[in-house]
Amino acid sequence: MKIKKVVIIGNGFDLAHDLPTSYKEFALTYKNHDILKKFERLSKEIGSAEKPSTWYSFEEEIERISNVQFSRTIMDAQSREDYAKRTQEMENCNRLFFQLSDLLMEYLDNVYSNHKISILNNVKQEFLTGGMYTISFNYTDTVKLYTKRYEYIHGNIKDDSSIVLGFFEWS
């Protein structure tokens, strides 16, 4: 079938289906979790003025932390020992991002598994259009309720062993 229309979906698609997948819901659920506390502490150490409140601001914070860590490792290391120390800090940061990714997978799997999702008729009508292909930035299976023609950009909580958190890919 020839592609006539490409639909790009993000978290608003899950929110429209009453899934509590906002960053605020995630952060509230895990507010006392060591991994999220460690992320917030690192963010504060690197000079963030405020906690992320949206997925976008969370991803911006990941990028900011990464840039600072990379700069410290590559640009600021004065000696071999200093470089080794900075490299270890960057590895710890990457490990934290991997743990955050796992925590997000756990959260979304729990949210998705424990909510009955109703098909939205207006959305269903859109997907009945022939030649439609969907690109999903979501991690959940909501798109699968409407079509078999889709691609996940950051991975899927049911089909993948890990997901891309923000712009990072873990192997």
Protein backbone atom coordinates (compact mmCIF):
# COMPACT_ATOMS: atom_id res chain seq x y z
CA MET A 1 0.00 0.00 0.00
CA LYS A 2 1.31 3.43 -0.92
CA ILE A 3 1.82 5.89 1.94
CA LYS A 4 -0.43 8.94 1.52
CA LYS A 5 -0.32 10.34 5.04
CA VAL A 6 2.22 10.15 7.87
CA VAL A 7 0.94 10.64 11.38
CA ILE A 8 3.40 11.51 14.13
CA ILE A 9 2.22 10.86 17.66
CA GLY A 10 3.70 11.75 21.03
CA ASN A 11 2.66 11.70 24.66
CA GLY A 12 -0.51 13.69 23.94
CA PHE A 13 -1.85 10.58 22.23
CA ASP A 14 -1.55 8.55 25.44
CA LEU A 15 -2.88 11.44 27.53
CA ALA A 16 -5.93 11.64 25.24
CA HIS A 17 -6.54 7.99 26.12
CA ASP A 18 -6.53 8.88 29.86
CA LEU A 19 -3.15 7.30 30.54
CA PRO A 20 -1.29 9.15 33.33
CA THR A 21 1.94 9.37 31.33
CA SER A 22 2.95 12.97 31.95
CA TYR A 23 6.35 13.68 33.49
CA LYS A 24 4.60 15.12 36.55
CA GLU A 25 2.76 11.82 37.11
CA PHE A 26 6.00 9.84 36.70
CA ALA A 27 7.94 12.15 39.04
CA LEU A 28 5.13 12.14 41.61
CA THR A 29 4.95 8.34 41.59
CA TYR A 30 8.71 8.02 42.09
CA LYS A 31 9.36 11.16 44.15
CA ASN A 32 10.97 9.10 46.94
CA HIS A 33 12.82 6.68 44.69
CA ASP A 34 16.61 6.71 45.02
CA ILE A 35 17.16 6.94 41.26
CA LEU A 36 14.99 10.02 40.81
CA LYS A 37 16.51 11.61 43.92
CA LYS A 38 20.00 10.92 42.52
CA PHE A 39 19.00 12.56 39.21
CA GLU A 40 17.64 15.63 41.00
CA ARG A 41 20.79 15.85 43.14
CA LEU A 42 23.05 15.64 40.07
CA SER A 43 20.93 18.23 38.31
CA LYS A 44 21.24 20.58 41.28
CA GLU A 45 25.01 19.98 41.56
CA ILE A 46 25.41 20.95 37.91
CA GLY A 47 23.48 24.15 38.54
CA SER A 48 19.89 23.60 37.47
CA ALA A 49 17.56 26.27 38.77
CA GLU A 50 14.43 24.11 38.92
CA LYS A 51 13.17 20.55 38.67
CA PRO A 52 11.85 19.40 35.30
CA SER A 53 8.07 19.60 35.02
CA THR A 54 7.50 18.17 31.52
CA TRP A 55 9.10 15.43 29.42
CA TYR A 56 10.62 18.15 27.29
CA SER A 57 12.24 19.89 30.26
CA PHE A 58 13.38 16.49 31.59
CA GLU A 59 15.06 15.72 28.25
CA GLU A 60 16.59 19.21 28.20
CA GLU A 61 18.01 18.54 31.66
CA ILE A 62 19.49 15.23 30.50
CA GLU A 63 21.09 17.05 27.59
CA ARG A 64 22.43 19.82 29.84
CA ILE A 65 23.91 17.34 32.32
CA SER A 66 25.46 15.37 29.45
CA ASN A 67 27.02 18.48 27.94
CA VAL A 68 28.47 19.57 31.26
CA GLN A 69 29.85 16.10 31.99
CA PHE A 70 31.32 15.79 28.49
CA SER A 71 32.88 19.23 28.74
CA ARG A 72 34.40 18.41 32.13
CA THR A 73 35.84 15.16 30.81
CA ILE A 74 37.18 16.38 27.49
CA MET A 75 37.91 20.05 28.05
CA ASP A 76 38.65 20.45 31.74
CA ALA A 77 40.81 17.44 32.57
CA GLN A 78 44.31 18.70 33.39
CA SER A 79 46.06 15.41 34.09
CA ARG A 80 45.69 11.71 33.38
CA GLU A 81 44.31 11.18 36.91
CA ASP A 82 41.87 14.05 36.47
CA TYR A 83 40.75 12.63 33.13
CA ALA A 84 40.21 9.19 34.73
CA LYS A 85 38.16 10.80 37.52
CA ARG A 86 36.06 12.78 35.03
CA THR A 87 35.56 9.70 32.86
CA GLN A 88 34.29 7.79 35.91
CA GLU A 89 31.87 10.65 36.67
CA MET A 90 30.58 10.50 33.10
CA GLU A 91 30.16 6.71 33.33
CA ASN A 92 28.23 7.16 36.60
CA CYS A 93 26.03 9.72 34.87
CA ASN A 94 25.37 7.33 31.97
CA ARG A 95 24.54 4.56 34.44
CA LEU A 96 22.04 6.88 36.12
CA PHE A 97 20.40 7.63 32.77
CA PHE A 98 20.15 3.90 32.09
CA GLN A 99 18.52 3.40 35.50
CA LEU A 100 16.09 6.25 34.78
CA SER A 101 15.21 4.56 31.50
CA ASP A 102 14.49 1.29 33.34
CA LEU A 103 12.42 3.16 35.91
CA LEU A 104 10.40 4.83 33.16
CA MET A 105 9.83 1.45 31.46
CA GLU A 106 8.61 0.03 34.77
CA TYR A 107 6.28 2.99 35.30
CA LEU A 108 4.82 2.95 31.79
CA ASP A 109 4.40 -0.82 31.77
CA ASN A 110 2.51 -0.58 35.06
CA VAL A 111 0.37 2.34 33.85
CA TYR A 112 -0.41 0.70 30.52
CA SER A 113 -1.13 -2.73 32.00
CA ASN A 114 -3.44 -1.39 34.71
CA HIS A 115 -5.62 0.92 32.62
CA LYS A 116 -8.45 -0.01 30.32
CA ILE A 117 -7.96 1.96 27.18
CA SER A 118 -11.01 2.88 25.14
CA ILE A 119 -10.81 3.39 21.40
CA LEU A 120 -11.61 7.00 20.53
CA ASN A 121 -14.04 7.09 17.62
CA ASN A 122 -12.71 10.32 16.12
CA VAL A 123 -9.17 8.91 16.19
CA LYS A 124 -10.36 5.58 14.80
CA GLN A 125 -11.93 7.40 11.84
CA GLU A 126 -8.60 9.08 11.08
CA PHE A 127 -6.80 5.75 11.08
CA LEU A 128 -9.32 4.26 8.66
CA THR A 129 -7.90 6.55 5.99
CA GLY A 130 -6.09 4.37 3.47
CA GLY A 131 -2.37 4.84 3.01
CA MET A 132 -1.70 6.10 6.53
CA TYR A 133 1.57 5.35 8.33
CA THR A 134 2.30 6.27 11.95
CA ILE A 135 5.53 7.28 13.63
CA SER A 136 5.33 7.02 17.40
CA PHE A 137 7.55 8.78 19.91
CA ASN A 138 5.59 6.98 22.66
CA TYR A 139 6.75 3.84 24.40
CA THR A 140 3.30 2.28 24.93
CA ASP A 141 1.19 0.08 22.65
CA THR A 142 -1.69 2.56 22.31
CA VAL A 143 -1.00 3.07 18.60
CA LYS A 144 -1.41 -0.69 18.03
CA LEU A 145 -5.11 -0.33 18.91
CA TYR A 146 -5.57 1.62 15.67
CA THR A 147 -3.12 0.37 13.08
CA LYS A 148 -0.54 -2.22 12.11
CA ARG A 149 1.44 0.36 10.14
CA TYR A 150 3.66 2.12 12.66
CA GLU A 151 7.26 2.62 13.72
CA TYR A 152 8.53 3.34 17.21
CA ILE A 153 11.31 5.93 17.30
CA HIS A 154 12.44 5.44 20.92
CA GLY A 155 11.46 1.83 21.45
CA ASN A 156 8.49 0.08 23.00
CA ILE A 157 7.98 -1.15 26.57
CA LYS A 158 6.52 -4.49 25.42
CA ASP A 159 8.80 -5.35 22.49
CA ASP A 160 12.19 -3.91 23.44
CA SER A 161 14.56 -4.68 26.29
CA SER A 162 15.40 -0.98 26.65
CA ILE A 163 14.08 2.34 25.43
CA VAL A 164 15.76 5.51 24.26
CA LEU A 165 15.39 8.11 26.96
CA GLY A 166 15.49 11.54 25.40
CA PHE A 167 18.18 11.29 22.79
CA PHE A 168 20.30 8.53 24.35
CA GLU A 169 20.45 4.99 23.08
CA TRP A 170 21.76 2.27 25.37
CA SER A 171 23.28 -0.94 24.19
